[in-house]
């Protein structure tokens, strides 16, 4: 299973970022694996926000630090 589940229906949002070529290749591969896993074609622009959200939710140090700065 991939770290992110199948994305729900949603209104697409345009996202423009610059990444290094090796990361771009990995993202393209992730898109292909996602399609094989879920039988649904998605664009990097639609998967990247879910990837970032999954990463942020799994970053325990970020959660601790965020709580601290919000209390200040």
C-alpha atoms as a PDB file:
ATOM      1  CA  UNK A   1       0.000   0.000   0.000  1.00  0.00           C
ATOM      2  CA  UNK A   2       1.173   3.509  -0.723  1.00  0.00           C
ATOM      3  CA  UNK A   3       1.508   5.967   2.158  1.00  0.00           C
ATOM      4  CA  UNK A   4      -1.365   8.008   0.760  1.00  0.00           C
ATOM      5  CA  UNK A   5      -4.754   6.470   0.138  1.00  0.00           C
ATOM      6  CA  UNK A   6      -6.839   6.976  -2.970  1.00  0.00           C
ATOM      7  CA  UNK A   7      -7.622  10.656  -3.333  1.00  0.00           C
ATOM      8  CA  UNK A   8     -11.272  11.659  -2.926  1.00  0.00           C
ATOM      9  CA  UNK A   9     -13.119  13.556  -5.625  1.00  0.00           C
ATOM     10  CA  UNK A  10     -12.071  17.188  -5.444  1.00  0.00           C
ATOM     11  CA  UNK A  11     -11.808  20.389  -7.385  1.00  0.00           C
ATOM     12  CA  UNK A  12      -8.317  20.584  -8.966  1.00  0.00           C
ATOM     13  CA  UNK A  13      -6.026  23.386  -7.808  1.00  0.00           C
ATOM     14  CA  UNK A  14      -3.053  24.539  -9.884  1.00  0.00           C
ATOM     15  CA  UNK A  15       0.303  24.284  -8.138  1.00  0.00           C
ATOM     16  CA  UNK A  16       3.574  25.429  -9.640  1.00  0.00           C
ATOM     17  CA  UNK A  17       6.897  24.414  -8.083  1.00  0.00           C
ATOM     18  CA  UNK A  18      10.455  23.851  -9.240  1.00  0.00           C
ATOM     19  CA  UNK A  19      12.189  20.585  -8.355  1.00  0.00           C
ATOM     20  CA  UNK A  20      15.475  18.965  -9.185  1.00  0.00           C
ATOM     21  CA  UNK A  21      15.451  16.506 -12.116  1.00  0.00           C
ATOM     22  CA  UNK A  22      15.921  13.431  -9.919  1.00  0.00           C
ATOM     23  CA  UNK A  23      12.950  14.393  -7.735  1.00  0.00           C
ATOM     24  CA  UNK A  24      10.862  15.050 -10.841  1.00  0.00           C
ATOM     25  CA  UNK A  25      11.657  11.531 -12.057  1.00  0.00           C
ATOM     26  CA  UNK A  26      10.652  10.055  -8.689  1.00  0.00           C
ATOM     27  CA  UNK A  27       7.387  11.982  -8.751  1.00  0.00           C
ATOM     28  CA  UNK A  28       6.650  10.706 -12.253  1.00  0.00           C
ATOM     29  CA  UNK A  29       7.325   7.153 -11.058  1.00  0.00           C
ATOM     30  CA  UNK A  30       5.023   7.717  -8.069  1.00  0.00           C
ATOM     31  CA  UNK A  31       2.280   8.819 -10.468  1.00  0.00           C
ATOM     32  CA  UNK A  32       2.730   5.569 -12.411  1.00  0.00           C
ATOM     33  CA  UNK A  33       2.685   3.415  -9.268  1.00  0.00           C
ATOM     34  CA  UNK A  34      -0.420   5.249  -8.038  1.00  0.00           C
ATOM     35  CA  UNK A  35      -2.164   4.450 -11.324  1.00  0.00           C
ATOM     36  CA  UNK A  36      -1.247   0.767 -11.069  1.00  0.00           C
ATOM     37  CA  UNK A  37      -2.280   0.604  -7.391  1.00  0.00           C
ATOM     38  CA  UNK A  38      -5.608   2.424  -7.725  1.00  0.00           C
ATOM     39  CA  UNK A  39      -6.462   2.170 -11.433  1.00  0.00           C
ATOM     40  CA  UNK A  40      -6.860   5.933 -11.632  1.00  0.00           C
ATOM     41  CA  UNK A  41      -4.667   8.409 -13.482  1.00  0.00           C
ATOM     42  CA  UNK A  42      -3.628  11.421 -11.405  1.00  0.00           C
ATOM     43  CA  UNK A  43      -1.319  14.321 -12.164  1.00  0.00           C
ATOM     44  CA  UNK A  44       1.653  15.279 -10.008  1.00  0.00           C
ATOM     45  CA  UNK A  45      -0.164  18.539  -9.241  1.00  0.00           C
ATOM     46  CA  UNK A  46      -2.969  16.553  -7.625  1.00  0.00           C
ATOM     47  CA  UNK A  47      -0.764  14.056  -5.776  1.00  0.00           C
ATOM     48  CA  UNK A  48       1.875  16.429  -4.389  1.00  0.00           C
ATOM     49  CA  UNK A  49      -0.475  18.167  -1.906  1.00  0.00           C
ATOM     50  CA  UNK A  50      -1.479  14.757  -0.512  1.00  0.00           C
ATOM     51  CA  UNK A  51       2.181  13.760  -0.307  1.00  0.00           C
ATOM     52  CA  UNK A  52       3.019  16.953   1.582  1.00  0.00           C
ATOM     53  CA  UNK A  53       0.073  16.554   3.923  1.00  0.00           C
ATOM     54  CA  UNK A  54       1.064  12.944   4.665  1.00  0.00           C
ATOM     55  CA  UNK A  55       4.650  14.013   5.310  1.00  0.00           C
ATOM     56  CA  UNK A  56       3.649  16.854   7.637  1.00  0.00           C
ATOM     57  CA  UNK A  57       1.235  14.650   9.604  1.00  0.00           C
ATOM     58  CA  UNK A  58       3.982  12.051  10.126  1.00  0.00           C
ATOM     59  CA  UNK A  59       6.611  14.592  11.289  1.00  0.00           C
ATOM     60  CA  UNK A  60       6.414  14.319  15.075  1.00  0.00           C
ATOM     61  CA  UNK A  61       9.080  16.940  15.729  1.00  0.00           C
ATOM     62  CA  UNK A  62       7.162  19.411  13.566  1.00  0.00           C
ATOM     63  CA  UNK A  63       4.003  18.748  15.600  1.00  0.00           C
ATOM     64  CA  UNK A  64       5.846  19.396  18.879  1.00  0.00           C
ATOM     65  CA  UNK A  65       7.518  22.542  17.576  1.00  0.00           C
ATOM     66  CA  UNK A  66       4.298  23.827  16.047  1.00  0.00           C
ATOM     67  CA  UNK A  67       2.447  23.423  19.334  1.00  0.00           C
ATOM     68  CA  UNK A  68       5.221  25.280  21.124  1.00  0.00           C
ATOM     69  CA  UNK A  69       5.266  28.262  18.763  1.00  0.00           C
ATOM     70  CA  UNK A  70       1.467  28.506  18.765  1.00  0.00           C
ATOM     71  CA  UNK A  71       1.466  28.809  22.566  1.00  0.00           C
ATOM     72  CA  UNK A  72       3.916  31.711  22.485  1.00  0.00           C
END
